[in-house]
Amino acid sequence: MVDRWLSLSEAEAKQDPRMGGKTADDFREAMSKAFHVQAKFHPRAIALIGNSVAVSRPLNSGILDFVFIDAHHAYESVKSDLAAWFHKVKSGGIMLGHDYDGRGDKTG
């Protein structure tokens, strides 16, 4: 699991339409819950904080059983994520995604 877990101030979170009215505290709570759930599956599942493409770089090719991409939904971002993660999946592994058809985030 990779997420930037944006650290927005309360004012920034309220002004950003992508936040859906969520506050910075809401995101911190979600992050805490996600890490708690993920910890049950360690070391088979790991959680990392950062930019998806940058986090993928130090990982060896062909080591992951499963990748699910649900990051920034703009075309170029999806394309970059696919390129970054595709070769990290081992032969016979699974790569899935969400909001890849252009109906997702229109903010660019």
N, C-alpha and C. Protein backbone atom coordinates (compact mmCIF):
# COMPACT_ATOMS: atom_id res chain seq x y z
N MET A 1 0.86 -1.17 0.00
CA MET A 1 0.00 0.00 0.00
C MET A 1 0.90 1.22 0.00
N VAL A 2 0.63 2.11 -0.93
CA VAL A 2 1.37 3.37 -1.02
C VAL A 2 0.35 4.50 -1.06
N ASP A 3 0.58 5.49 -0.25
CA ASP A 3 -0.27 6.67 -0.28
C ASP A 3 0.55 7.85 0.16
N ARG A 4 0.24 9.01 -0.39
CA ARG A 4 0.94 10.23 0.02
C ARG A 4 0.43 10.71 1.37
N TRP A 5 -0.76 10.35 1.74
CA TRP A 5 -1.39 10.81 2.99
C TRP A 5 -1.10 12.29 3.17
N LEU A 6 -1.62 13.06 2.23
CA LEU A 6 -1.38 14.50 2.22
C LEU A 6 -1.51 15.14 3.57
N SER A 7 -0.56 15.94 3.90
CA SER A 7 -0.59 16.69 5.15
C SER A 7 -1.07 18.11 4.85
N LEU A 8 -2.35 18.26 4.70
CA LEU A 8 -2.92 19.57 4.45
C LEU A 8 -3.31 20.22 5.77
N SER A 9 -3.22 21.51 5.79
CA SER A 9 -3.76 22.23 6.94
C SER A 9 -5.28 22.16 6.87
N GLU A 10 -5.93 22.47 7.95
CA GLU A 10 -7.40 22.47 7.95
C GLU A 10 -7.95 23.42 6.89
N ALA A 11 -7.35 24.60 6.75
CA ALA A 11 -7.81 25.58 5.76
C ALA A 11 -7.63 25.04 4.35
N GLU A 12 -6.47 24.40 4.07
CA GLU A 12 -6.22 23.85 2.74
C GLU A 12 -7.20 22.72 2.43
N ALA A 13 -7.45 21.86 3.39
CA ALA A 13 -8.37 20.74 3.19
C ALA A 13 -9.77 21.23 2.87
N LYS A 14 -10.21 22.28 3.54
CA LYS A 14 -11.55 22.81 3.30
C LYS A 14 -11.66 23.45 1.92
N GLN A 15 -10.57 24.02 1.41
CA GLN A 15 -10.59 24.70 0.12
C GLN A 15 -10.39 23.76 -1.06
N ASP A 16 -9.84 22.59 -0.84
CA ASP A 16 -9.53 21.67 -1.93
C ASP A 16 -10.76 20.82 -2.24
N PRO A 17 -11.35 20.96 -3.44
CA PRO A 17 -12.57 20.21 -3.77
C PRO A 17 -12.37 18.70 -3.80
N ARG A 18 -11.13 18.24 -3.99
CA ARG A 18 -10.86 16.80 -3.99
C ARG A 18 -11.00 16.18 -2.61
N MET A 19 -11.00 16.98 -1.57
CA MET A 19 -11.05 16.46 -0.21
C MET A 19 -12.47 16.09 0.21
N GLY A 20 -13.46 16.52 -0.56
CA GLY A 20 -14.85 16.15 -0.25
C GLY A 20 -15.30 16.58 1.12
N GLY A 21 -14.79 17.69 1.61
CA GLY A 21 -15.20 18.16 2.93
C GLY A 21 -14.48 17.49 4.08
N LYS A 22 -13.57 16.56 3.76
CA LYS A 22 -12.81 15.87 4.81
C LYS A 22 -11.79 16.82 5.41
N THR A 23 -11.53 16.66 6.67
CA THR A 23 -10.53 17.49 7.35
C THR A 23 -9.20 16.74 7.41
N ALA A 24 -8.15 17.45 7.76
CA ALA A 24 -6.84 16.82 7.93
C ALA A 24 -6.93 15.73 9.00
N ASP A 25 -7.71 15.97 10.05
CA ASP A 25 -7.88 14.95 11.10
C ASP A 25 -8.55 13.70 10.54
N ASP A 26 -9.51 13.87 9.62
CA ASP A 26 -10.16 12.72 8.99
C ASP A 26 -9.14 11.85 8.26
N PHE A 27 -8.22 12.52 7.55
CA PHE A 27 -7.21 11.77 6.81
C PHE A 27 -6.20 11.10 7.75
N ARG A 28 -5.84 11.76 8.82
CA ARG A 28 -4.93 11.13 9.80
C ARG A 28 -5.59 9.90 10.42
N GLU A 29 -6.88 10.00 10.72
CA GLU A 29 -7.61 8.86 11.28
C GLU A 29 -7.67 7.71 10.26
N ALA A 30 -7.95 8.04 9.00
CA ALA A 30 -8.00 7.01 7.96
C ALA A 30 -6.64 6.33 7.80
N MET A 31 -5.56 7.12 7.84
CA MET A 31 -4.22 6.56 7.73
C MET A 31 -3.94 5.62 8.90
N SER A 32 -4.28 6.04 10.09
CA SER A 32 -4.06 5.21 11.26
C SER A 32 -4.81 3.88 11.14
N LYS A 33 -6.05 3.94 10.72
CA LYS A 33 -6.85 2.72 10.55
C LYS A 33 -6.25 1.82 9.47
N ALA A 34 -5.84 2.41 8.35
CA ALA A 34 -5.26 1.63 7.25
C ALA A 34 -3.99 0.92 7.70
N PHE A 35 -3.14 1.62 8.42
CA PHE A 35 -1.90 1.01 8.88
C PHE A 35 -2.18 -0.08 9.91
N HIS A 36 -3.19 0.12 10.74
CA HIS A 36 -3.56 -0.90 11.74
C HIS A 36 -4.03 -2.17 11.04
N VAL A 37 -4.88 -2.04 10.05
CA VAL A 37 -5.38 -3.22 9.32
C VAL A 37 -4.24 -3.89 8.56
N GLN A 38 -3.42 -3.10 7.90
CA GLN A 38 -2.31 -3.66 7.12
C GLN A 38 -1.33 -4.42 8.00
N ALA A 39 -1.12 -3.97 9.21
CA ALA A 39 -0.15 -4.60 10.11
C ALA A 39 -0.46 -6.07 10.36
N LYS A 40 -1.72 -6.44 10.29
CA LYS A 40 -2.11 -7.85 10.49
C LYS A 40 -1.52 -8.76 9.42
N PHE A 41 -1.18 -8.20 8.28
CA PHE A 41 -0.72 -9.00 7.15
C PHE A 41 0.78 -8.86 6.89
N HIS A 42 1.48 -8.13 7.75
CA HIS A 42 2.92 -7.95 7.61
C HIS A 42 3.61 -9.29 7.84
N PRO A 43 4.60 -9.70 7.10
CA PRO A 43 5.31 -8.98 6.06
C PRO A 43 4.75 -9.21 4.65
N ARG A 44 3.66 -9.93 4.51
CA ARG A 44 3.09 -10.17 3.17
C ARG A 44 2.52 -8.89 2.56
N ALA A 45 2.13 -7.94 3.38
CA ALA A 45 1.63 -6.65 2.90
C ALA A 45 2.40 -5.57 3.63
N ILE A 46 2.73 -4.53 2.89
CA ILE A 46 3.45 -3.42 3.50
C ILE A 46 2.77 -2.10 3.14
N ALA A 47 2.92 -1.13 4.00
CA ALA A 47 2.37 0.20 3.77
C ALA A 47 3.51 1.19 3.72
N LEU A 48 3.49 2.02 2.69
CA LEU A 48 4.54 3.01 2.50
C LEU A 48 3.91 4.38 2.28
N ILE A 49 4.58 5.40 2.74
CA ILE A 49 4.10 6.77 2.55
C ILE A 49 4.98 7.44 1.51
N GLY A 50 4.37 8.02 0.49
CA GLY A 50 5.13 8.73 -0.52
C GLY A 50 4.44 8.74 -1.86
N ASN A 51 5.12 9.30 -2.85
CA ASN A 51 4.65 9.34 -4.22
C ASN A 51 4.76 7.94 -4.81
N SER A 52 3.71 7.47 -5.45
CA SER A 52 3.64 6.11 -5.98
C SER A 52 4.82 5.76 -6.88
N VAL A 53 5.12 6.59 -7.85
CA VAL A 53 6.21 6.31 -8.79
C VAL A 53 7.56 6.29 -8.07
N ALA A 54 7.79 7.26 -7.21
CA ALA A 54 9.07 7.33 -6.49
C ALA A 54 9.25 6.13 -5.56
N VAL A 55 8.19 5.72 -4.89
CA VAL A 55 8.27 4.58 -3.97
C VAL A 55 8.57 3.29 -4.72
N SER A 56 8.12 3.19 -5.97
CA SER A 56 8.34 1.96 -6.74
C SER A 56 9.80 1.76 -7.16
N ARG A 57 10.53 2.84 -7.31
CA ARG A 57 11.88 2.77 -7.90
C ARG A 57 12.84 1.80 -7.21
N PRO A 58 12.96 1.80 -5.89
CA PRO A 58 13.94 0.89 -5.28
C PRO A 58 13.51 -0.58 -5.24
N LEU A 59 12.27 -0.86 -5.58
CA LEU A 59 11.79 -2.25 -5.54
C LEU A 59 12.29 -3.02 -6.75
N ASN A 60 12.69 -4.26 -6.54
CA ASN A 60 13.13 -5.12 -7.63
C ASN A 60 11.96 -5.50 -8.51
N SER A 61 12.24 -5.80 -9.76
CA SER A 61 11.20 -6.27 -10.68
C SER A 61 10.77 -7.68 -10.30
N GLY A 62 9.51 -7.98 -10.58
CA GLY A 62 9.01 -9.34 -10.41
C GLY A 62 8.90 -9.84 -8.99
N ILE A 63 8.69 -8.96 -8.02
CA ILE A 63 8.66 -9.42 -6.63
C ILE A 63 7.26 -9.39 -6.00
N LEU A 64 6.32 -8.72 -6.65
CA LEU A 64 5.01 -8.54 -6.05
C LEU A 64 3.98 -9.50 -6.64
N ASP A 65 3.13 -10.03 -5.78
CA ASP A 65 2.05 -10.90 -6.22
C ASP A 65 0.86 -10.10 -6.73
N PHE A 66 0.71 -8.89 -6.20
CA PHE A 66 -0.52 -8.14 -6.43
C PHE A 66 -0.25 -6.64 -6.34
N VAL A 67 -0.76 -5.89 -7.29
CA VAL A 67 -0.70 -4.43 -7.26
C VAL A 67 -2.08 -3.91 -7.63
N PHE A 68 -2.60 -3.00 -6.83
CA PHE A 68 -3.87 -2.34 -7.10
C PHE A 68 -3.61 -0.85 -7.11
N ILE A 69 -3.88 -0.20 -8.24
CA ILE A 69 -3.59 1.23 -8.37
C ILE A 69 -4.88 2.03 -8.27
N ASP A 70 -4.90 2.94 -7.32
CA ASP A 70 -6.02 3.89 -7.14
C ASP A 70 -5.40 5.18 -6.65
N ALA A 71 -4.65 5.82 -7.52
CA ALA A 71 -3.94 7.04 -7.14
C ALA A 71 -4.59 8.22 -7.85
N HIS A 72 -3.77 9.17 -8.26
CA HIS A 72 -4.29 10.33 -8.99
C HIS A 72 -4.90 9.82 -10.30
N HIS A 73 -6.07 10.32 -10.66
CA HIS A 73 -6.82 9.74 -11.76
C HIS A 73 -6.62 10.41 -13.11
N ALA A 74 -5.78 11.42 -13.20
CA ALA A 74 -5.50 12.07 -14.48
C ALA A 74 -4.73 11.09 -15.38
N TYR A 75 -4.95 11.18 -16.67
CA TYR A 75 -4.37 10.24 -17.63
C TYR A 75 -2.86 10.05 -17.45
N GLU A 76 -2.11 11.14 -17.43
CA GLU A 76 -0.65 11.04 -17.33
C GLU A 76 -0.22 10.38 -16.02
N SER A 77 -0.94 10.65 -14.94
CA SER A 77 -0.61 10.03 -13.65
C SER A 77 -0.86 8.53 -13.68
N VAL A 78 -2.00 8.12 -14.25
CA VAL A 78 -2.31 6.69 -14.37
C VAL A 78 -1.26 6.01 -15.24
N LYS A 79 -0.91 6.63 -16.34
CA LYS A 79 0.11 6.08 -17.24
C LYS A 79 1.44 5.90 -16.52
N SER A 80 1.83 6.89 -15.73
CA SER A 80 3.08 6.81 -14.97
C SER A 80 3.03 5.70 -13.93
N ASP A 81 1.91 5.57 -13.23
CA ASP A 81 1.77 4.50 -12.24
C ASP A 81 1.85 3.12 -12.89
N LEU A 82 1.16 2.95 -14.00
CA LEU A 82 1.20 1.66 -14.70
C LEU A 82 2.62 1.31 -15.13
N ALA A 83 3.33 2.28 -15.69
CA ALA A 83 4.70 2.05 -16.12
C ALA A 83 5.61 1.73 -14.93
N ALA A 84 5.39 2.40 -13.82
CA ALA A 84 6.24 2.22 -12.64
C ALA A 84 6.03 0.87 -11.97
N TRP A 85 4.80 0.38 -11.95
CA TRP A 85 4.48 -0.81 -11.17
C TRP A 85 4.35 -2.10 -11.97
N PHE A 86 4.13 -2.00 -13.28
CA PHE A 86 3.88 -3.19 -14.09
C PHE A 86 4.98 -4.24 -13.93
N HIS A 87 6.23 -3.84 -14.01
CA HIS A 87 7.34 -4.79 -13.96
C HIS A 87 7.67 -5.25 -12.53
N LYS A 88 7.01 -4.67 -11.55
CA LYS A 88 7.21 -5.11 -10.17
C LYS A 88 6.40 -6.37 -9.87
N VAL A 89 5.38 -6.63 -10.71
CA VAL A 89 4.51 -7.79 -10.52
C VAL A 89 5.17 -9.03 -11.12
N LYS A 90 5.20 -10.10 -10.33
CA LYS A 90 5.82 -11.33 -10.82
C LYS A 90 4.95 -11.99 -11.87
N SER A 91 5.53 -12.86 -12.65
CA SER A 91 4.80 -13.61 -13.66
C SER A 91 3.66 -14.38 -12.98
N GLY A 92 2.47 -14.23 -13.50
CA GLY A 92 1.30 -14.87 -12.90
C GLY A 92 0.64 -14.02 -11.83
N GLY A 93 1.24 -12.86 -11.51
CA GLY A 93 0.67 -11.97 -10.52
C GLY A 93 -0.50 -11.18 -11.09
N ILE A 94 -1.07 -10.33 -10.27
CA ILE A 94 -2.27 -9.59 -10.65
C ILE A 94 -2.02 -8.09 -10.49
N MET A 95 -2.44 -7.34 -11.51
CA MET A 95 -2.38 -5.89 -11.44
C MET A 95 -3.78 -5.37 -11.75
N LEU A 96 -4.34 -4.61 -10.82
CA LEU A 96 -5.68 -4.05 -10.96
C LEU A 96 -5.63 -2.56 -10.76
N GLY A 97 -6.73 -1.90 -11.10
CA GLY A 97 -6.79 -0.46 -10.90
C GLY A 97 -8.21 0.01 -10.68
N HIS A 98 -8.34 1.28 -10.38
CA HIS A 98 -9.62 1.91 -10.08
C HIS A 98 -9.65 3.27 -10.75
N ASP A 99 -10.79 3.65 -11.27
CA ASP A 99 -10.97 4.97 -11.91
C ASP A 99 -10.02 5.19 -13.08
N TYR A 100 -9.77 4.16 -13.86
CA TYR A 100 -8.86 4.27 -14.98
C TYR A 100 -9.55 4.66 -16.27
N ASP A 101 -10.87 4.78 -16.27
CA ASP A 101 -11.61 5.01 -17.50
C ASP A 101 -11.95 6.47 -17.75
N GLY A 102 -11.37 7.38 -17.00
CA GLY A 102 -11.57 8.79 -17.23
C GLY A 102 -12.76 9.39 -16.48
N ARG A 103 -13.49 8.58 -15.73
CA ARG A 103 -14.62 9.11 -14.98
C ARG A 103 -14.23 9.59 -13.60
N GLY A 104 -12.97 9.44 -13.25
CA GLY A 104 -12.51 9.81 -11.92
C GLY A 104 -12.20 11.29 -11.79
N ASP A 105 -11.14 11.59 -11.11
CA ASP A 105 -10.73 12.95 -10.80
C ASP A 105 -10.46 13.74 -12.06
N LYS A 106 -11.17 14.82 -12.25
CA LYS A 106 -11.00 15.66 -13.44
C LYS A 106 -10.14 16.88 -13.16
N THR A 107 -9.47 16.91 -12.03
CA THR A 107 -8.72 18.10 -11.65
C THR A 107 -7.36 18.17 -12.33
N GLY A 108 -6.97 17.12 -13.07
CA GLY A 108 -5.69 17.16 -13.81
C GLY A 108 -4.60 16.74 -12.97
